[in-house]
Amino acid sequence: YISKIKNLKTLHIEYCYKVSDKSLEYISSLSNLKELSLFEYETITENGLFYFSNLKMLEILKLNYCNDIKGTVLSNMSIVNKLLCLDLSNCNGITDKGLYSISKLTSLKKINLSNCKKISNKGIIMIDKLPNLEYIFISVQMCNKIIPENFKHVKIF
């Protein structure tokens, strides 16, 4: 049913445990979607993110607590050239390799990597060079792996 709401601009889905990769296929038909927020889904994988390449108007993407997301498939989102804000907080599958893919999202202004425990200075270096980037949010707990003073855009909270 959701795929029939063609003018939908914002969609937040939280704690709906039936959301899966197949659900993302239906969401991808919402061509006017500007903001998508998915919170705490173990059932969403990298395969489901391939559908996001159809969301050409997407500006804000929040994938909080989606632990099967590694970030590597996000390079397919480089065709989503309007993406301004990416929130991957608490996505424990995100790695430096995933950040390399994210470094291709040149319109990105803000990225939240709080509690992404598998990233390091090496990954932050890649996204810190994004031309439009204003902020990289990381959490205090990550300060033993990432030295914020080495980067122009890192903000700790």
N, C-alpha and C. Protein backbone atom coordinates (compact mmCIF):
# COMPACT_ATOMS: atom_id res chain seq x y z
N TYR A 1 0.81 -1.20 0.00
CA TYR A 1 0.00 0.00 0.00
C TYR A 1 0.85 1.26 0.00
N ILE A 2 1.97 1.20 0.66
CA ILE A 2 2.79 2.41 0.79
C ILE A 2 3.29 2.90 -0.56
N SER A 3 3.52 1.99 -1.47
CA SER A 3 4.03 2.38 -2.78
C SER A 3 3.01 3.19 -3.59
N LYS A 4 1.77 3.23 -3.15
CA LYS A 4 0.73 3.99 -3.85
C LYS A 4 0.68 5.45 -3.42
N ILE A 5 1.41 5.81 -2.38
CA ILE A 5 1.41 7.20 -1.90
C ILE A 5 2.55 7.93 -2.62
N LYS A 6 2.33 8.28 -3.85
CA LYS A 6 3.38 8.80 -4.73
C LYS A 6 3.96 10.14 -4.29
N ASN A 7 3.21 10.96 -3.58
CA ASN A 7 3.71 12.28 -3.18
C ASN A 7 4.34 12.30 -1.80
N LEU A 8 4.48 11.15 -1.17
CA LEU A 8 5.07 11.08 0.16
C LEU A 8 6.50 11.60 0.14
N LYS A 9 6.83 12.52 1.06
CA LYS A 9 8.16 13.12 1.10
C LYS A 9 8.99 12.64 2.29
N THR A 10 8.32 12.24 3.39
CA THR A 10 9.02 11.82 4.60
C THR A 10 8.43 10.51 5.09
N LEU A 11 9.31 9.56 5.42
CA LEU A 11 8.86 8.28 5.93
C LEU A 11 9.78 7.84 7.07
N HIS A 12 9.19 7.66 8.25
CA HIS A 12 9.91 7.17 9.43
C HIS A 12 9.26 5.86 9.84
N ILE A 13 10.06 4.81 9.91
CA ILE A 13 9.56 3.51 10.34
C ILE A 13 10.46 3.03 11.48
N GLU A 14 9.87 2.81 12.63
CA GLU A 14 10.64 2.39 13.80
C GLU A 14 10.00 1.16 14.44
N TYR A 15 10.83 0.21 14.80
CA TYR A 15 10.42 -0.97 15.56
C TYR A 15 9.31 -1.78 14.90
N CYS A 16 9.23 -1.75 13.62
CA CYS A 16 8.25 -2.55 12.89
C CYS A 16 9.01 -3.77 12.37
N TYR A 17 8.95 -4.84 13.11
CA TYR A 17 9.85 -5.97 12.88
C TYR A 17 9.54 -6.77 11.62
N LYS A 18 8.52 -6.40 10.90
CA LYS A 18 8.24 -7.07 9.64
C LYS A 18 8.91 -6.39 8.46
N VAL A 19 9.56 -5.27 8.69
CA VAL A 19 10.26 -4.58 7.61
C VAL A 19 11.46 -5.44 7.20
N SER A 20 11.59 -5.63 5.90
CA SER A 20 12.66 -6.47 5.37
C SER A 20 13.21 -5.85 4.09
N ASP A 21 14.14 -6.55 3.47
CA ASP A 21 14.66 -6.08 2.19
C ASP A 21 13.54 -5.95 1.16
N LYS A 22 12.58 -6.85 1.20
CA LYS A 22 11.45 -6.78 0.26
C LYS A 22 10.64 -5.50 0.49
N SER A 23 10.51 -5.07 1.73
CA SER A 23 9.82 -3.81 2.05
C SER A 23 10.52 -2.64 1.39
N LEU A 24 11.85 -2.68 1.35
CA LEU A 24 12.62 -1.59 0.75
C LEU A 24 12.36 -1.48 -0.75
N GLU A 25 12.04 -2.60 -1.36
CA GLU A 25 11.69 -2.56 -2.78
C GLU A 25 10.44 -1.71 -3.00
N TYR A 26 9.45 -1.87 -2.13
CA TYR A 26 8.23 -1.07 -2.24
C TYR A 26 8.51 0.40 -1.93
N ILE A 27 9.31 0.64 -0.92
CA ILE A 27 9.66 2.02 -0.55
C ILE A 27 10.39 2.71 -1.69
N SER A 28 11.18 1.96 -2.45
CA SER A 28 11.97 2.56 -3.54
C SER A 28 11.11 3.13 -4.66
N SER A 29 9.83 2.77 -4.69
CA SER A 29 8.94 3.33 -5.72
C SER A 29 8.43 4.72 -5.35
N LEU A 30 8.76 5.18 -4.15
CA LEU A 30 8.32 6.52 -3.70
C LEU A 30 9.30 7.56 -4.23
N SER A 31 9.14 7.90 -5.47
CA SER A 31 10.12 8.73 -6.17
C SER A 31 10.26 10.14 -5.62
N ASN A 32 9.30 10.64 -4.86
CA ASN A 32 9.38 11.99 -4.28
C ASN A 32 9.92 12.00 -2.86
N LEU A 33 10.30 10.85 -2.35
CA LEU A 33 10.77 10.75 -0.97
C LEU A 33 12.05 11.55 -0.76
N LYS A 34 12.02 12.44 0.24
CA LYS A 34 13.19 13.26 0.57
C LYS A 34 13.87 12.79 1.85
N GLU A 35 13.10 12.19 2.75
CA GLU A 35 13.66 11.75 4.03
C GLU A 35 13.16 10.34 4.36
N LEU A 36 14.10 9.46 4.67
CA LEU A 36 13.77 8.09 5.04
C LEU A 36 14.52 7.73 6.31
N SER A 37 13.78 7.25 7.29
CA SER A 37 14.37 6.87 8.57
C SER A 37 13.92 5.46 8.92
N LEU A 38 14.89 4.57 9.09
CA LEU A 38 14.63 3.19 9.50
C LEU A 38 15.40 2.94 10.77
N PHE A 39 14.71 2.53 11.81
CA PHE A 39 15.32 2.43 13.13
C PHE A 39 15.23 1.00 13.66
N GLU A 40 16.37 0.43 13.93
CA GLU A 40 16.55 -0.86 14.57
C GLU A 40 15.93 -2.03 13.78
N TYR A 41 16.61 -2.38 12.71
CA TYR A 41 16.15 -3.49 11.88
C TYR A 41 17.28 -4.47 11.62
N GLU A 42 17.17 -5.63 12.21
CA GLU A 42 18.11 -6.71 11.95
C GLU A 42 17.77 -7.40 10.63
N THR A 43 16.58 -7.10 10.10
CA THR A 43 16.09 -7.79 8.91
C THR A 43 16.45 -7.06 7.62
N ILE A 44 17.09 -5.91 7.73
CA ILE A 44 17.51 -5.16 6.55
C ILE A 44 18.99 -5.44 6.32
N THR A 45 19.31 -5.81 5.09
CA THR A 45 20.70 -6.14 4.75
C THR A 45 21.21 -5.22 3.64
N GLU A 46 22.45 -5.42 3.28
CA GLU A 46 23.04 -4.66 2.18
C GLU A 46 22.24 -4.88 0.89
N ASN A 47 21.71 -6.07 0.68
CA ASN A 47 20.94 -6.36 -0.54
C ASN A 47 19.75 -5.42 -0.67
N GLY A 48 19.08 -5.13 0.41
CA GLY A 48 17.93 -4.24 0.37
C GLY A 48 18.29 -2.81 0.01
N LEU A 49 19.49 -2.40 0.36
CA LEU A 49 19.90 -1.02 0.07
C LEU A 49 20.07 -0.75 -1.42
N PHE A 50 20.23 -1.80 -2.21
CA PHE A 50 20.33 -1.60 -3.66
C PHE A 50 19.12 -0.86 -4.22
N TYR A 51 17.97 -1.05 -3.59
CA TYR A 51 16.75 -0.39 -4.06
C TYR A 51 16.81 1.12 -3.88
N PHE A 52 17.63 1.60 -2.96
CA PHE A 52 17.69 3.03 -2.69
C PHE A 52 18.21 3.83 -3.88
N SER A 53 18.85 3.17 -4.82
CA SER A 53 19.34 3.90 -5.99
C SER A 53 18.20 4.52 -6.79
N ASN A 54 16.97 4.06 -6.57
CA ASN A 54 15.79 4.64 -7.24
C ASN A 54 15.31 5.92 -6.58
N LEU A 55 15.78 6.21 -5.37
CA LEU A 55 15.30 7.37 -4.61
C LEU A 55 16.15 8.60 -4.94
N LYS A 56 15.96 9.13 -6.10
CA LYS A 56 16.82 10.20 -6.60
C LYS A 56 16.59 11.55 -5.92
N MET A 57 15.48 11.71 -5.19
CA MET A 57 15.20 12.96 -4.48
C MET A 57 15.64 12.89 -3.01
N LEU A 58 16.13 11.74 -2.58
CA LEU A 58 16.45 11.52 -1.17
C LEU A 58 17.55 12.47 -0.70
N GLU A 59 17.28 13.20 0.38
CA GLU A 59 18.24 14.13 0.97
C GLU A 59 18.72 13.65 2.34
N ILE A 60 17.86 12.95 3.07
CA ILE A 60 18.19 12.51 4.43
C ILE A 60 17.91 11.02 4.54
N LEU A 61 18.93 10.27 4.95
CA LEU A 61 18.78 8.83 5.16
C LEU A 61 19.31 8.48 6.54
N LYS A 62 18.43 7.88 7.35
CA LYS A 62 18.81 7.46 8.70
C LYS A 62 18.61 5.95 8.81
N LEU A 63 19.68 5.26 9.12
CA LEU A 63 19.65 3.80 9.27
C LEU A 63 20.21 3.43 10.64
N ASN A 64 19.58 3.88 11.68
CA ASN A 64 20.07 3.65 13.04
C ASN A 64 19.88 2.20 13.47
N TYR A 65 20.90 1.65 14.10
CA TYR A 65 20.86 0.29 14.65
C TYR A 65 20.55 -0.77 13.60
N CYS A 66 20.95 -0.56 12.38
CA CYS A 66 20.79 -1.58 11.33
C CYS A 66 22.14 -2.29 11.21
N ASN A 67 22.34 -3.31 12.00
CA ASN A 67 23.66 -3.91 12.17
C ASN A 67 24.15 -4.74 10.99
N ASP A 68 23.27 -5.10 10.06
CA ASP A 68 23.73 -5.84 8.89
C ASP A 68 24.19 -4.93 7.76
N ILE A 69 24.13 -3.63 7.99
CA ILE A 69 24.59 -2.66 7.00
C ILE A 69 26.09 -2.45 7.20
N LYS A 70 26.85 -2.68 6.14
CA LYS A 70 28.30 -2.52 6.21
C LYS A 70 28.77 -1.22 5.55
N GLY A 71 27.93 -0.68 4.69
CA GLY A 71 28.27 0.58 4.04
C GLY A 71 28.82 0.40 2.65
N THR A 72 29.28 -0.79 2.31
CA THR A 72 29.92 -0.99 1.01
C THR A 72 28.96 -0.78 -0.15
N VAL A 73 27.72 -1.15 0.03
CA VAL A 73 26.73 -1.01 -1.04
C VAL A 73 26.30 0.45 -1.21
N LEU A 74 26.61 1.30 -0.26
CA LEU A 74 26.20 2.70 -0.36
C LEU A 74 26.87 3.42 -1.53
N SER A 75 27.92 2.85 -2.08
CA SER A 75 28.54 3.47 -3.26
C SER A 75 27.56 3.45 -4.43
N ASN A 76 26.63 2.51 -4.43
CA ASN A 76 25.59 2.49 -5.46
C ASN A 76 24.68 3.70 -5.33
N MET A 77 24.72 4.34 -4.20
CA MET A 77 23.90 5.51 -3.98
C MET A 77 24.55 6.76 -4.53
N SER A 78 25.69 6.64 -5.16
CA SER A 78 26.32 7.82 -5.72
C SER A 78 25.41 8.46 -6.77
N ILE A 79 24.47 7.70 -7.31
CA ILE A 79 23.51 8.30 -8.21
C ILE A 79 22.46 9.10 -7.45
N VAL A 80 22.39 8.91 -6.16
CA VAL A 80 21.51 9.74 -5.32
C VAL A 80 22.32 10.99 -4.99
N ASN A 81 22.43 11.87 -5.95
CA ASN A 81 23.35 13.01 -5.80
C ASN A 81 22.79 14.13 -4.95
N LYS A 82 21.61 13.94 -4.37
CA LYS A 82 21.04 14.98 -3.49
C LYS A 82 21.20 14.63 -2.02
N LEU A 83 21.77 13.49 -1.70
CA LEU A 83 21.87 13.06 -0.30
C LEU A 83 22.75 14.03 0.48
N LEU A 84 22.15 14.69 1.49
CA LEU A 84 22.85 15.69 2.29
C LEU A 84 23.23 15.17 3.67
N CYS A 85 22.39 14.32 4.23
CA CYS A 85 22.59 13.86 5.61
C CYS A 85 22.45 12.34 5.65
N LEU A 86 23.46 11.69 6.25
CA LEU A 86 23.46 10.24 6.39
C LEU A 86 23.73 9.91 7.85
N ASP A 87 22.78 9.22 8.47
CA ASP A 87 22.91 8.84 9.88
C ASP A 87 23.03 7.32 9.95
N LEU A 88 24.21 6.86 10.30
CA LEU A 88 24.49 5.43 10.45
C LEU A 88 24.83 5.10 11.90
N SER A 89 24.34 5.91 12.81
CA SER A 89 24.69 5.70 14.21
C SER A 89 24.26 4.31 14.68
N ASN A 90 25.13 3.71 15.44
CA ASN A 90 24.90 2.39 16.03
C ASN A 90 24.76 1.27 14.99
N CYS A 91 25.27 1.48 13.81
CA CYS A 91 25.32 0.42 12.80
C CYS A 91 26.68 -0.26 12.95
N ASN A 92 26.70 -1.31 13.71
CA ASN A 92 27.98 -1.93 14.06
C ASN A 92 28.66 -2.69 12.94
N GLY A 93 28.01 -2.79 11.79
CA GLY A 93 28.64 -3.44 10.64
C GLY A 93 29.45 -2.48 9.79
N ILE A 94 29.30 -1.17 10.00
CA ILE A 94 30.02 -0.18 9.19
C ILE A 94 31.52 -0.30 9.42
N THR A 95 32.27 -0.36 8.33
CA THR A 95 33.73 -0.50 8.39
C THR A 95 34.39 0.62 7.59
N ASP A 96 35.72 0.65 7.64
CA ASP A 96 36.46 1.62 6.83
C ASP A 96 36.20 1.41 5.35
N LYS A 97 36.02 0.16 4.93
CA LYS A 97 35.69 -0.13 3.54
C LYS A 97 34.34 0.50 3.17
N GLY A 98 33.40 0.46 4.10
CA GLY A 98 32.12 1.10 3.88
C GLY A 98 32.25 2.61 3.77
N LEU A 99 33.14 3.18 4.57
CA LEU A 99 33.36 4.63 4.51
C LEU A 99 33.99 5.03 3.17
N TYR A 100 34.79 4.13 2.60
CA TYR A 100 35.34 4.40 1.27
C TYR A 100 34.19 4.56 0.27
N SER A 101 33.21 3.69 0.35
CA SER A 101 32.04 3.79 -0.54
C SER A 101 31.29 5.09 -0.30
N ILE A 102 31.13 5.45 0.95
CA ILE A 102 30.42 6.67 1.32
C ILE A 102 31.17 7.91 0.82
N SER A 103 32.48 7.81 0.69
CA SER A 103 33.28 8.95 0.24
C SER A 103 32.95 9.35 -1.20
N LYS A 104 32.13 8.58 -1.89
CA LYS A 104 31.70 8.92 -3.24
C LYS A 104 30.42 9.75 -3.26
N LEU A 105 29.82 9.95 -2.09
CA LEU A 105 28.58 10.73 -1.99
C LEU A 105 28.95 12.20 -1.83
N THR A 106 29.30 12.85 -2.90
CA THR A 106 29.92 14.17 -2.86
C THR A 106 29.01 15.30 -2.36
N SER A 107 27.71 15.11 -2.38
CA SER A 107 26.82 16.17 -1.89
C SER A 107 26.63 16.11 -0.38
N LEU A 108 27.14 15.09 0.26
CA LEU A 108 26.94 14.87 1.70
C LEU A 108 27.47 16.03 2.53
N LYS A 109 26.63 16.53 3.46
CA LYS A 109 27.03 17.62 4.36
C LYS A 109 27.24 17.13 5.78
N LYS A 110 26.44 16.15 6.20
CA LYS A 110 26.53 15.65 7.58
C LYS A 110 26.46 14.14 7.57
N ILE A 111 27.29 13.55 8.43
CA ILE A 111 27.24 12.10 8.61
C ILE A 111 27.40 11.80 10.09
N ASN A 112 26.56 10.92 10.58
CA ASN A 112 26.62 10.51 11.99
C ASN A 112 27.13 9.07 12.04
N LEU A 113 28.29 8.89 12.67
CA LEU A 113 28.93 7.58 12.80
C LEU A 113 29.07 7.19 14.27
N SER A 114 28.21 7.73 15.10
CA SER A 114 28.28 7.45 16.53
C SER A 114 28.14 5.95 16.79
N ASN A 115 29.02 5.45 17.60
CA ASN A 115 29.01 4.05 18.01
C ASN A 115 29.16 3.05 16.86
N CYS A 116 29.75 3.46 15.78
CA CYS A 116 30.13 2.53 14.71
C CYS A 116 31.52 2.04 15.08
N LYS A 117 31.59 0.92 15.73
CA LYS A 117 32.80 0.49 16.41
C LYS A 117 33.90 -0.07 15.52
N LYS A 118 33.62 -0.31 14.24
CA LYS A 118 34.61 -0.91 13.36
C LYS A 118 35.33 0.09 12.47
N ILE A 119 35.08 1.39 12.70
CA ILE A 119 35.76 2.38 11.87
C ILE A 119 36.98 2.93 12.61
N SER A 120 37.91 3.48 11.83
CA SER A 120 39.15 4.01 12.40
C SER A 120 39.52 5.32 11.70
N ASN A 121 40.67 5.84 12.07
CA ASN A 121 41.17 7.06 11.42
C ASN A 121 41.25 6.89 9.91
N LYS A 122 41.62 5.71 9.47
CA LYS A 122 41.76 5.43 8.04
C LYS A 122 40.45 5.72 7.29
N GLY A 123 39.34 5.27 7.84
CA GLY A 123 38.05 5.51 7.20
C GLY A 123 37.62 6.96 7.27
N ILE A 124 37.86 7.59 8.41
CA ILE A 124 37.48 8.99 8.58
C ILE A 124 38.25 9.88 7.60
N ILE A 125 39.50 9.56 7.34
CA ILE A 125 40.32 10.32 6.39
C ILE A 125 39.60 10.42 5.04
N MET A 126 39.02 9.31 4.61
CA MET A 126 38.37 9.28 3.29
C MET A 126 37.16 10.19 3.22
N ILE A 127 36.32 10.18 4.26
CA ILE A 127 35.11 11.01 4.17
C ILE A 127 35.37 12.45 4.59
N ASP A 128 36.44 12.69 5.35
CA ASP A 128 36.76 14.06 5.77
C ASP A 128 37.10 14.95 4.57
N LYS A 129 37.39 14.34 3.42
CA LYS A 129 37.75 15.09 2.21
C LYS A 129 36.56 15.43 1.32
N LEU A 130 35.37 14.99 1.71
CA LEU A 130 34.19 15.29 0.89
C LEU A 130 34.03 16.80 0.73
N PRO A 131 33.79 17.28 -0.48
CA PRO A 131 33.82 18.73 -0.75
C PRO A 131 32.78 19.56 -0.01
N ASN A 132 31.61 19.00 0.28
CA ASN A 132 30.54 19.77 0.91
C ASN A 132 30.33 19.42 2.38
N LEU A 133 31.17 18.56 2.92
CA LEU A 133 30.99 18.07 4.27
C LEU A 133 31.17 19.17 5.31
N GLU A 134 30.24 19.22 6.27
CA GLU A 134 30.31 20.17 7.37
C GLU A 134 30.60 19.48 8.69
N TYR A 135 30.01 18.28 8.89
CA TYR A 135 30.17 17.59 10.17
C TYR A 135 30.28 16.08 10.00
N ILE A 136 31.15 15.49 10.81
CA ILE A 136 31.18 14.06 11.03
C ILE A 136 30.97 13.89 12.52
N PHE A 137 29.85 13.31 12.90
CA PHE A 137 29.57 13.11 14.32
C PHE A 137 30.09 11.76 14.76
N ILE A 138 30.85 11.75 15.84
CA ILE A 138 31.28 10.50 16.46
C ILE A 138 31.01 10.61 17.96
N SER A 139 30.99 9.49 18.62
CA SER A 139 30.72 9.50 20.06
C SER A 139 32.01 9.47 20.85
N VAL A 140 31.94 9.91 22.08
CA VAL A 140 33.10 9.97 22.97
C VAL A 140 33.78 8.61 23.10
N GLN A 141 32.98 7.54 23.11
CA GLN A 141 33.53 6.20 23.27
C GLN A 141 34.50 5.83 22.15
N MET A 142 34.40 6.48 21.01
CA MET A 142 35.24 6.15 19.87
C MET A 142 36.57 6.89 19.89
N CYS A 143 36.76 7.75 20.83
CA CYS A 143 37.95 8.61 20.82
C CYS A 143 39.25 7.83 20.99
N ASN A 144 39.19 6.60 21.44
CA ASN A 144 40.41 5.83 21.54
C ASN A 144 40.85 5.29 20.18
N LYS A 145 39.95 5.24 19.21
CA LYS A 145 40.28 4.77 17.87
C LYS A 145 40.43 5.89 16.86
N ILE A 146 39.79 7.03 17.15
CA ILE A 146 39.81 8.15 16.22
C ILE A 146 40.30 9.38 16.96
N ILE A 147 41.24 10.05 16.36
CA ILE A 147 41.81 11.26 16.97
C ILE A 147 41.15 12.47 16.31
N PRO A 148 40.14 13.04 16.96
CA PRO A 148 39.34 14.12 16.34
C PRO A 148 40.16 15.32 15.89
N GLU A 149 41.22 15.61 16.59
CA GLU A 149 42.01 16.80 16.25
C GLU A 149 42.66 16.68 14.87
N ASN A 150 42.76 15.48 14.35
CA ASN A 150 43.38 15.27 13.04
C ASN A 150 42.47 15.59 11.87
N PHE A 151 41.19 15.90 12.17
CA PHE A 151 40.23 16.06 11.11
C PHE A 151 39.50 17.39 11.21
N LYS A 152 39.22 17.95 10.05
CA LYS A 152 38.58 19.24 9.95
C LYS A 152 37.11 19.20 10.38
N HIS A 153 36.39 18.12 10.07
CA HIS A 153 34.95 18.10 10.23
C HIS A 153 34.43 17.28 11.41
N VAL A 154 35.29 16.63 12.16
CA VAL A 154 34.83 15.74 13.23
C VAL A 154 34.30 16.54 14.42
N LYS A 155 33.12 16.17 14.87
CA LYS A 155 32.51 16.75 16.06
C LYS A 155 32.20 15.61 17.02
N ILE A 156 32.54 15.78 18.29
CA ILE A 156 32.30 14.75 19.29
C ILE A 156 31.11 15.14 20.14
N PHE A 157 30.29 14.16 20.44
CA PHE A 157 29.20 14.40 21.38
C PHE A 157 29.00 13.18 22.24
